[in-house]
N, C-alpha and C. Protein backbone atom coordinates (compact mmCIF):
# COMPACT_ATOMS: atom_id res chain seq x y z
N MET A 1 70.84 -48.42 48.59
CA MET A 1 70.14 -47.23 48.15
C MET A 1 69.59 -47.41 46.75
N ASN A 2 70.36 -48.12 45.90
CA ASN A 2 69.87 -48.37 44.54
C ASN A 2 68.59 -49.19 44.56
N ALA A 3 68.50 -50.15 45.47
CA ALA A 3 67.32 -51.00 45.54
C ALA A 3 66.08 -50.17 45.86
N LEU A 4 66.22 -49.22 46.77
CA LEU A 4 65.09 -48.35 47.12
C LEU A 4 64.67 -47.53 45.91
N LEU A 5 65.62 -46.96 45.20
CA LEU A 5 65.31 -46.14 44.03
C LEU A 5 64.69 -46.96 42.90
N VAL A 6 65.21 -48.16 42.69
CA VAL A 6 64.66 -49.02 41.64
C VAL A 6 63.23 -49.44 42.02
N GLY A 7 63.02 -49.81 43.28
CA GLY A 7 61.68 -50.18 43.75
C GLY A 7 60.71 -49.03 43.60
N LEU A 8 61.13 -47.82 43.98
CA LEU A 8 60.27 -46.64 43.82
C LEU A 8 60.01 -46.34 42.35
N GLY A 9 61.02 -46.56 41.50
CA GLY A 9 60.83 -46.37 40.06
C GLY A 9 59.82 -47.36 39.49
N CYS A 10 59.92 -48.61 39.92
CA CYS A 10 58.94 -49.62 39.48
C CYS A 10 57.54 -49.22 39.91
N PHE A 11 57.41 -48.77 41.16
CA PHE A 11 56.10 -48.35 41.67
C PHE A 11 55.58 -47.15 40.89
N ALA A 12 56.43 -46.15 40.65
CA ALA A 12 56.00 -44.96 39.90
C ALA A 12 55.55 -45.35 38.49
N ALA A 13 56.28 -46.26 37.87
CA ALA A 13 55.87 -46.72 36.53
C ALA A 13 54.53 -47.45 36.61
N HIS A 14 54.32 -48.23 37.65
CA HIS A 14 53.05 -48.94 37.84
C HIS A 14 51.89 -47.95 37.97
N VAL A 15 52.07 -46.90 38.76
CA VAL A 15 51.02 -45.88 38.92
C VAL A 15 50.72 -45.25 37.56
N ALA A 16 51.75 -44.88 36.83
CA ALA A 16 51.55 -44.24 35.51
C ALA A 16 50.82 -45.18 34.55
N VAL A 17 51.24 -46.44 34.50
CA VAL A 17 50.61 -47.39 33.58
C VAL A 17 49.15 -47.60 33.95
N THR A 18 48.85 -47.79 35.24
CA THR A 18 47.46 -48.04 35.62
C THR A 18 46.58 -46.81 35.39
N LEU A 19 47.11 -45.62 35.63
CA LEU A 19 46.30 -44.42 35.40
C LEU A 19 45.89 -44.29 33.93
N VAL A 20 46.75 -44.73 33.04
CA VAL A 20 46.42 -44.70 31.61
C VAL A 20 45.54 -45.91 31.26
N TRP A 21 45.94 -47.09 31.66
CA TRP A 21 45.27 -48.33 31.27
C TRP A 21 43.84 -48.42 31.82
N LEU A 22 43.62 -47.87 32.99
CA LEU A 22 42.27 -47.94 33.57
C LEU A 22 41.27 -47.07 32.81
N ARG A 23 41.74 -46.16 31.98
CA ARG A 23 40.85 -45.31 31.18
C ARG A 23 40.42 -45.99 29.88
N VAL A 24 41.08 -47.08 29.52
CA VAL A 24 40.71 -47.84 28.33
C VAL A 24 39.43 -48.61 28.66
N LYS A 25 38.43 -48.47 27.79
CA LYS A 25 37.11 -49.04 28.08
C LYS A 25 37.07 -50.56 27.96
N HIS A 26 37.87 -51.16 27.09
CA HIS A 26 37.82 -52.60 26.89
C HIS A 26 39.07 -53.23 27.48
N GLY A 27 38.96 -54.49 27.82
CA GLY A 27 40.12 -55.20 28.32
C GLY A 27 39.81 -55.93 29.61
N PRO A 28 40.84 -56.37 30.28
CA PRO A 28 40.64 -57.13 31.51
C PRO A 28 40.02 -56.26 32.62
N SER A 29 39.63 -56.92 33.68
CA SER A 29 39.03 -56.20 34.81
C SER A 29 40.07 -55.25 35.42
N PRO A 30 39.61 -54.24 36.14
CA PRO A 30 40.55 -53.30 36.77
C PRO A 30 41.55 -53.98 37.70
N VAL A 31 41.13 -54.98 38.45
CA VAL A 31 42.06 -55.67 39.34
C VAL A 31 43.09 -56.44 38.54
N ALA A 32 42.67 -57.07 37.45
CA ALA A 32 43.62 -57.78 36.58
C ALA A 32 44.61 -56.80 35.96
N ARG A 33 44.13 -55.60 35.61
CA ARG A 33 45.03 -54.58 35.05
C ARG A 33 46.06 -54.16 36.09
N HIS A 34 45.62 -53.99 37.33
CA HIS A 34 46.56 -53.64 38.40
C HIS A 34 47.62 -54.72 38.55
N ALA A 35 47.19 -55.96 38.59
CA ALA A 35 48.14 -57.07 38.77
C ALA A 35 49.12 -57.15 37.60
N ALA A 36 48.61 -57.07 36.38
CA ALA A 36 49.48 -57.15 35.20
C ALA A 36 50.45 -55.97 35.16
N SER A 37 49.95 -54.79 35.50
CA SER A 37 50.80 -53.61 35.51
C SER A 37 51.89 -53.73 36.57
N ALA A 38 51.51 -54.18 37.77
CA ALA A 38 52.49 -54.31 38.85
C ALA A 38 53.58 -55.31 38.48
N LEU A 39 53.18 -56.46 37.95
CA LEU A 39 54.17 -57.47 37.56
C LEU A 39 55.01 -57.01 36.39
N GLY A 40 54.36 -56.43 35.39
CA GLY A 40 55.09 -55.99 34.20
C GLY A 40 56.08 -54.87 34.48
N THR A 41 55.64 -53.85 35.22
CA THR A 41 56.56 -52.74 35.52
C THR A 41 57.67 -53.19 36.45
N HIS A 42 57.38 -54.13 37.34
CA HIS A 42 58.43 -54.66 38.23
C HIS A 42 59.47 -55.42 37.41
N PHE A 43 59.00 -56.31 36.55
CA PHE A 43 59.93 -57.09 35.72
C PHE A 43 60.77 -56.19 34.84
N ILE A 44 60.15 -55.24 34.17
CA ILE A 44 60.88 -54.33 33.29
C ILE A 44 61.84 -53.46 34.09
N GLY A 45 61.39 -52.94 35.22
CA GLY A 45 62.25 -52.09 36.05
C GLY A 45 63.48 -52.83 36.56
N VAL A 46 63.29 -54.05 37.03
CA VAL A 46 64.42 -54.85 37.53
C VAL A 46 65.36 -55.19 36.38
N THR A 47 64.82 -55.54 35.24
CA THR A 47 65.65 -55.89 34.08
C THR A 47 66.47 -54.69 33.61
N VAL A 48 65.83 -53.52 33.51
CA VAL A 48 66.53 -52.31 33.09
C VAL A 48 67.61 -51.94 34.11
N ALA A 49 67.27 -52.03 35.39
CA ALA A 49 68.25 -51.69 36.43
C ALA A 49 69.45 -52.64 36.38
N ALA A 50 69.18 -53.91 36.23
CA ALA A 50 70.27 -54.89 36.19
C ALA A 50 71.17 -54.67 34.98
N ALA A 51 70.61 -54.26 33.86
CA ALA A 51 71.39 -54.06 32.65
C ALA A 51 72.13 -52.73 32.63
N SER A 52 71.58 -51.72 33.31
CA SER A 52 72.15 -50.39 33.17
C SER A 52 73.00 -49.93 34.36
N LEU A 53 72.80 -50.50 35.52
CA LEU A 53 73.60 -50.06 36.67
C LEU A 53 74.91 -50.82 36.73
N GLU A 54 75.94 -50.14 37.19
CA GLU A 54 77.27 -50.76 37.24
C GLU A 54 77.40 -51.75 38.39
N GLU A 55 76.70 -51.51 39.47
CA GLU A 55 76.78 -52.41 40.62
C GLU A 55 75.51 -53.25 40.71
N PRO A 56 75.62 -54.41 41.32
CA PRO A 56 74.43 -55.27 41.43
C PRO A 56 73.35 -54.62 42.30
N VAL A 57 72.12 -54.95 41.97
CA VAL A 57 70.98 -54.43 42.73
C VAL A 57 70.40 -55.58 43.54
N ALA A 58 70.20 -55.35 44.83
CA ALA A 58 69.61 -56.37 45.69
C ALA A 58 68.14 -56.54 45.31
N TYR A 59 67.80 -57.73 44.83
CA TYR A 59 66.45 -57.95 44.30
C TYR A 59 65.36 -57.84 45.37
N TRP A 60 65.52 -58.48 46.51
CA TRP A 60 64.43 -58.56 47.48
C TRP A 60 64.03 -57.20 48.05
N PRO A 61 64.96 -56.30 48.32
CA PRO A 61 64.51 -54.96 48.72
C PRO A 61 63.74 -54.24 47.60
N VAL A 62 64.16 -54.44 46.36
CA VAL A 62 63.41 -53.86 45.23
C VAL A 62 62.00 -54.44 45.22
N ALA A 63 61.90 -55.75 45.35
CA ALA A 63 60.60 -56.41 45.34
C ALA A 63 59.73 -55.93 46.50
N ALA A 64 60.32 -55.74 47.66
CA ALA A 64 59.56 -55.30 48.83
C ALA A 64 59.01 -53.89 48.62
N VAL A 65 59.84 -52.98 48.14
CA VAL A 65 59.40 -51.59 47.92
C VAL A 65 58.37 -51.54 46.80
N SER A 66 58.65 -52.20 45.70
CA SER A 66 57.73 -52.20 44.56
C SER A 66 56.40 -52.86 44.94
N GLY A 67 56.46 -53.99 45.61
CA GLY A 67 55.25 -54.71 46.01
C GLY A 67 54.43 -53.95 47.03
N PHE A 68 55.10 -53.35 48.01
CA PHE A 68 54.38 -52.56 49.01
C PHE A 68 53.67 -51.39 48.35
N GLY A 69 54.34 -50.71 47.46
CA GLY A 69 53.71 -49.60 46.75
C GLY A 69 52.52 -50.06 45.92
N ALA A 70 52.67 -51.20 45.24
CA ALA A 70 51.58 -51.72 44.40
C ALA A 70 50.36 -52.08 45.25
N VAL A 71 50.59 -52.68 46.40
CA VAL A 71 49.47 -53.04 47.28
C VAL A 71 48.79 -51.78 47.81
N CYS A 72 49.56 -50.80 48.24
CA CYS A 72 48.97 -49.54 48.71
C CYS A 72 48.16 -48.86 47.61
N TRP A 73 48.68 -48.86 46.39
CA TRP A 73 47.99 -48.26 45.26
C TRP A 73 46.69 -49.01 44.96
N LEU A 74 46.72 -50.34 45.04
CA LEU A 74 45.51 -51.13 44.81
C LEU A 74 44.46 -50.83 45.88
N PHE A 75 44.87 -50.73 47.14
CA PHE A 75 43.93 -50.41 48.21
C PHE A 75 43.32 -49.02 48.01
N ALA A 76 44.14 -48.05 47.65
CA ALA A 76 43.63 -46.70 47.42
C ALA A 76 42.64 -46.69 46.26
N PHE A 77 42.98 -47.38 45.19
CA PHE A 77 42.08 -47.46 44.04
C PHE A 77 40.78 -48.15 44.43
N SER A 78 40.89 -49.26 45.12
CA SER A 78 39.71 -50.03 45.51
C SER A 78 38.79 -49.24 46.42
N ALA A 79 39.35 -48.39 47.25
CA ALA A 79 38.54 -47.61 48.18
C ALA A 79 37.61 -46.64 47.45
N VAL A 80 38.02 -46.17 46.30
CA VAL A 80 37.20 -45.20 45.58
C VAL A 80 36.54 -45.75 44.33
N TYR A 81 36.92 -46.95 43.89
CA TYR A 81 36.43 -47.49 42.62
C TYR A 81 34.92 -47.74 42.62
N LYS A 82 34.43 -48.47 43.59
CA LYS A 82 33.01 -48.82 43.61
C LYS A 82 32.36 -48.46 44.93
N SER A 83 32.89 -47.49 45.61
CA SER A 83 32.36 -47.13 46.91
C SER A 83 30.99 -46.47 46.78
N VAL A 84 29.98 -47.15 47.28
CA VAL A 84 28.64 -46.58 47.27
C VAL A 84 28.62 -45.34 48.15
N SER A 85 29.30 -45.39 49.27
CA SER A 85 29.32 -44.24 50.18
C SER A 85 29.89 -43.00 49.50
N LEU A 86 30.97 -43.16 48.76
CA LEU A 86 31.58 -42.01 48.10
C LEU A 86 30.71 -41.50 46.96
N ARG A 87 30.01 -42.40 46.27
CA ARG A 87 29.09 -41.95 45.22
C ARG A 87 27.94 -41.16 45.82
N ILE A 88 27.43 -41.62 46.96
CA ILE A 88 26.35 -40.90 47.65
C ILE A 88 26.85 -39.54 48.09
N LEU A 89 28.02 -39.50 48.70
CA LEU A 89 28.59 -38.24 49.18
C LEU A 89 28.80 -37.26 48.02
N SER A 90 29.29 -37.76 46.89
CA SER A 90 29.49 -36.90 45.72
C SER A 90 28.16 -36.33 45.24
N GLN A 91 27.12 -37.17 45.21
CA GLN A 91 25.81 -36.70 44.78
C GLN A 91 25.27 -35.65 45.75
N LEU A 92 25.43 -35.89 47.05
CA LEU A 92 24.98 -34.91 48.05
C LEU A 92 25.70 -33.58 47.85
N SER A 93 26.97 -33.65 47.54
CA SER A 93 27.76 -32.44 47.34
C SER A 93 27.30 -31.66 46.12
N ARG A 94 26.84 -32.36 45.06
CA ARG A 94 26.40 -31.70 43.83
C ARG A 94 24.94 -31.23 43.87
N THR A 95 24.19 -31.72 44.83
CA THR A 95 22.77 -31.40 44.91
C THR A 95 22.55 -30.06 45.58
N PRO A 96 21.67 -29.22 45.04
CA PRO A 96 21.36 -27.95 45.72
C PRO A 96 20.90 -28.22 47.15
N GLY A 97 21.46 -27.50 48.08
CA GLY A 97 21.15 -27.72 49.49
C GLY A 97 21.94 -28.86 50.10
N HIS A 98 22.69 -29.60 49.28
CA HIS A 98 23.54 -30.70 49.72
C HIS A 98 22.77 -31.74 50.54
N ALA A 99 21.53 -32.00 50.14
CA ALA A 99 20.71 -32.97 50.86
C ALA A 99 19.80 -33.71 49.90
N LEU A 100 19.53 -34.97 50.21
CA LEU A 100 18.59 -35.80 49.47
C LEU A 100 17.79 -36.62 50.48
N PRO A 101 16.53 -36.90 50.18
CA PRO A 101 15.77 -37.78 51.06
C PRO A 101 16.35 -39.19 51.05
N PHE A 102 16.21 -39.89 52.15
CA PHE A 102 16.72 -41.25 52.27
C PHE A 102 16.18 -42.15 51.16
N GLU A 103 14.91 -41.99 50.83
CA GLU A 103 14.28 -42.83 49.81
C GLU A 103 14.96 -42.66 48.45
N VAL A 104 15.37 -41.45 48.12
CA VAL A 104 16.06 -41.19 46.85
C VAL A 104 17.42 -41.88 46.85
N ILE A 105 18.12 -41.77 47.95
CA ILE A 105 19.44 -42.42 48.06
C ILE A 105 19.29 -43.93 47.93
N ALA A 106 18.33 -44.50 48.64
CA ALA A 106 18.12 -45.95 48.58
C ALA A 106 17.75 -46.38 47.17
N GLU A 107 16.87 -45.63 46.53
CA GLU A 107 16.40 -45.99 45.18
C GLU A 107 17.52 -45.85 44.14
N ASP A 108 18.31 -44.79 44.23
CA ASP A 108 19.34 -44.52 43.22
C ASP A 108 20.66 -45.25 43.45
N TYR A 109 20.98 -45.58 44.69
CA TYR A 109 22.31 -46.13 44.99
C TYR A 109 22.28 -47.49 45.66
N VAL A 110 21.48 -47.63 46.69
CA VAL A 110 21.54 -48.85 47.50
C VAL A 110 20.90 -50.03 46.78
N TRP A 111 19.66 -49.88 46.32
CA TRP A 111 18.99 -50.99 45.65
C TRP A 111 19.73 -51.47 44.41
N PRO A 112 20.19 -50.58 43.52
CA PRO A 112 20.93 -51.08 42.35
C PRO A 112 22.19 -51.86 42.73
N GLU A 113 22.87 -51.42 43.78
CA GLU A 113 24.07 -52.13 44.21
C GLU A 113 23.73 -53.52 44.74
N PHE A 114 22.68 -53.61 45.56
CA PHE A 114 22.26 -54.91 46.08
C PHE A 114 21.79 -55.83 44.96
N GLU A 115 21.05 -55.28 44.00
CA GLU A 115 20.58 -56.09 42.88
C GLU A 115 21.77 -56.63 42.08
N ALA A 116 22.78 -55.81 41.87
CA ALA A 116 23.96 -56.24 41.13
C ALA A 116 24.70 -57.34 41.90
N ARG A 117 24.79 -57.20 43.20
CA ARG A 117 25.49 -58.21 44.01
C ARG A 117 24.74 -59.53 44.01
N VAL A 118 23.41 -59.47 44.12
CA VAL A 118 22.62 -60.70 44.08
C VAL A 118 22.76 -61.36 42.72
N ALA A 119 22.78 -60.56 41.65
CA ALA A 119 22.96 -61.12 40.31
C ALA A 119 24.29 -61.85 40.19
N VAL A 120 25.33 -61.32 40.81
CA VAL A 120 26.63 -61.99 40.79
C VAL A 120 26.55 -63.31 41.55
N LEU A 121 25.89 -63.32 42.70
CA LEU A 121 25.74 -64.56 43.47
C LEU A 121 24.98 -65.62 42.67
N VAL A 122 23.94 -65.20 41.96
CA VAL A 122 23.17 -66.13 41.13
C VAL A 122 24.04 -66.64 39.99
N GLN A 123 24.77 -65.74 39.34
CA GLN A 123 25.63 -66.13 38.23
C GLN A 123 26.72 -67.12 38.68
N MET A 124 27.23 -66.92 39.90
CA MET A 124 28.26 -67.81 40.44
C MET A 124 27.69 -69.14 40.92
N GLY A 125 26.37 -69.24 40.99
CA GLY A 125 25.75 -70.47 41.46
C GLY A 125 25.67 -70.56 42.97
N CYS A 126 25.87 -69.46 43.67
CA CYS A 126 25.81 -69.45 45.13
C CYS A 126 24.41 -69.15 45.65
N ALA A 127 23.54 -68.61 44.80
CA ALA A 127 22.17 -68.30 45.19
C ALA A 127 21.27 -68.58 44.00
N LYS A 128 19.99 -68.79 44.32
CA LYS A 128 19.00 -68.98 43.26
C LYS A 128 17.76 -68.19 43.62
N GLU A 129 17.04 -67.81 42.57
CA GLU A 129 15.82 -67.04 42.77
C GLU A 129 14.71 -68.00 43.18
N VAL A 130 14.00 -67.62 44.24
CA VAL A 130 12.84 -68.38 44.70
C VAL A 130 11.68 -67.40 44.86
N ALA A 131 10.50 -67.92 45.11
CA ALA A 131 9.33 -67.07 45.27
C ALA A 131 9.59 -66.05 46.38
N GLY A 132 9.52 -64.79 46.01
CA GLY A 132 9.66 -63.73 47.01
C GLY A 132 11.09 -63.37 47.39
N GLY A 133 12.08 -63.96 46.74
CA GLY A 133 13.45 -63.59 47.11
C GLY A 133 14.49 -64.53 46.55
N TYR A 134 15.49 -64.82 47.35
CA TYR A 134 16.61 -65.65 46.93
C TYR A 134 16.94 -66.64 48.04
N ALA A 135 17.55 -67.75 47.65
CA ALA A 135 17.97 -68.76 48.61
C ALA A 135 19.38 -69.20 48.26
N ALA A 136 20.13 -69.54 49.30
CA ALA A 136 21.48 -70.04 49.08
C ALA A 136 21.41 -71.45 48.50
N THR A 137 22.31 -71.72 47.58
CA THR A 137 22.44 -73.06 47.02
C THR A 137 23.42 -73.84 47.89
N ALA A 138 23.63 -75.12 47.58
CA ALA A 138 24.61 -75.92 48.31
C ALA A 138 26.00 -75.28 48.19
N ALA A 139 26.33 -74.81 46.98
CA ALA A 139 27.62 -74.14 46.77
C ALA A 139 27.70 -72.85 47.59
N GLY A 140 26.60 -72.11 47.65
CA GLY A 140 26.57 -70.88 48.44
C GLY A 140 26.75 -71.15 49.93
N ASN A 141 26.08 -72.21 50.43
CA ASN A 141 26.24 -72.57 51.83
C ASN A 141 27.67 -72.99 52.14
N ALA A 142 28.29 -73.74 51.23
CA ALA A 142 29.68 -74.16 51.44
C ALA A 142 30.61 -72.95 51.46
N THR A 143 30.39 -72.01 50.55
CA THR A 143 31.20 -70.79 50.52
C THR A 143 31.00 -69.99 51.80
N ALA A 144 29.76 -69.87 52.24
CA ALA A 144 29.47 -69.12 53.48
C ALA A 144 30.16 -69.76 54.67
N ARG A 145 30.18 -71.09 54.74
CA ARG A 145 30.88 -71.78 55.85
C ARG A 145 32.38 -71.49 55.81
N ARG A 146 32.96 -71.53 54.60
CA ARG A 146 34.40 -71.24 54.48
C ARG A 146 34.70 -69.81 54.91
N ILE A 147 33.87 -68.87 54.48
CA ILE A 147 34.08 -67.46 54.85
C ILE A 147 33.94 -67.28 56.36
N ALA A 148 32.94 -67.91 56.95
CA ALA A 148 32.74 -67.82 58.40
C ALA A 148 33.97 -68.37 59.14
N GLY A 149 34.53 -69.46 58.63
CA GLY A 149 35.74 -70.03 59.24
C GLY A 149 36.92 -69.07 59.15
N ILE A 150 37.08 -68.43 58.00
CA ILE A 150 38.16 -67.46 57.83
C ILE A 150 37.94 -66.27 58.76
N GLN A 151 36.69 -65.80 58.87
CA GLN A 151 36.39 -64.68 59.77
C GLN A 151 36.73 -65.05 61.21
N ARG A 152 36.34 -66.27 61.63
CA ARG A 152 36.67 -66.70 63.00
C ARG A 152 38.18 -66.76 63.20
N ALA A 153 38.89 -67.31 62.22
CA ALA A 153 40.34 -67.44 62.33
C ALA A 153 41.02 -66.08 62.42
N CYS A 154 40.44 -65.08 61.75
CA CYS A 154 41.02 -63.73 61.76
C CYS A 154 40.45 -62.86 62.88
N GLY A 155 39.55 -63.41 63.68
CA GLY A 155 38.98 -62.64 64.79
C GLY A 155 38.02 -61.56 64.33
N ILE A 156 37.36 -61.80 63.21
CA ILE A 156 36.40 -60.82 62.69
C ILE A 156 35.03 -61.17 63.25
N GLY A 157 34.53 -60.30 64.12
CA GLY A 157 33.24 -60.55 64.74
C GLY A 157 32.08 -60.00 63.94
N ALA A 158 32.28 -58.88 63.32
CA ALA A 158 31.24 -58.26 62.51
C ALA A 158 31.83 -58.00 61.13
N SER A 159 30.98 -57.94 60.13
CA SER A 159 31.50 -57.72 58.79
C SER A 159 31.64 -56.23 58.52
N GLY A 160 32.53 -55.88 57.65
CA GLY A 160 32.71 -54.49 57.25
C GLY A 160 33.82 -53.82 58.01
N LEU A 161 34.15 -52.63 57.57
CA LEU A 161 35.25 -51.87 58.17
C LEU A 161 34.90 -51.28 59.52
N TYR A 162 33.62 -51.22 59.82
CA TYR A 162 33.21 -50.49 61.00
C TYR A 162 33.00 -51.38 62.21
N GLY A 163 33.35 -52.64 62.12
CA GLY A 163 33.27 -53.55 63.25
C GLY A 163 31.87 -53.64 63.80
N ASP A 164 31.77 -53.44 65.10
CA ASP A 164 30.48 -53.57 65.78
C ASP A 164 29.68 -52.28 65.79
N ALA A 165 30.17 -51.23 65.14
CA ALA A 165 29.46 -49.96 65.13
C ALA A 165 28.11 -50.13 64.43
N VAL A 166 27.08 -49.61 65.04
CA VAL A 166 25.74 -49.68 64.47
C VAL A 166 25.26 -48.27 64.24
N VAL A 167 24.80 -48.02 63.03
CA VAL A 167 24.26 -46.70 62.70
C VAL A 167 22.76 -46.81 62.78
N THR A 168 22.16 -45.93 63.56
CA THR A 168 20.72 -45.95 63.67
C THR A 168 20.18 -44.61 63.22
N GLN A 169 18.97 -44.63 62.73
CA GLN A 169 18.31 -43.41 62.30
C GLN A 169 17.64 -42.80 63.53
N SER A 170 17.97 -41.57 63.82
CA SER A 170 17.39 -40.93 65.00
C SER A 170 15.96 -40.51 64.73
N SER A 171 15.15 -40.59 65.76
CA SER A 171 13.74 -40.21 65.63
C SER A 171 13.61 -38.72 65.74
N PRO A 172 12.66 -38.09 65.01
CA PRO A 172 12.50 -36.65 65.07
C PRO A 172 11.88 -36.21 66.37
């Protein structure tokens, strides 16, 4: 029972630390902050528990509870951190009539996101700018082959959370 409580305490401390640390404008990336917070609060929590409790604490159950909570917290954070869909939904909610033309959404949300992603690919050396667009580099092709192999190994047929679902625009 102590292991469960210590693991939950480590997780609660991790949530508190990340909620504060993520508001600081400078520093490591948000994912690095999550990792450092999870490891730091786990180490401190286990050390404090070992020093202050009269009976020994089973480490692996503490690690399992603390780690599971940290992963769930990271997934929840990641789902809302850079979600284009949630930003679009928030804008629709704030707009009078709760509607925007598709062109406005594409211009304000979709194109900037794609441009930022292409810029990252270029910066990583996986793509290069060519006349009229972009082309994969040798490094980009090698990365794409590795990703395709991982997708096949994991049984991923389509990319994204929605699998083979296709959204089409209905005709008026």
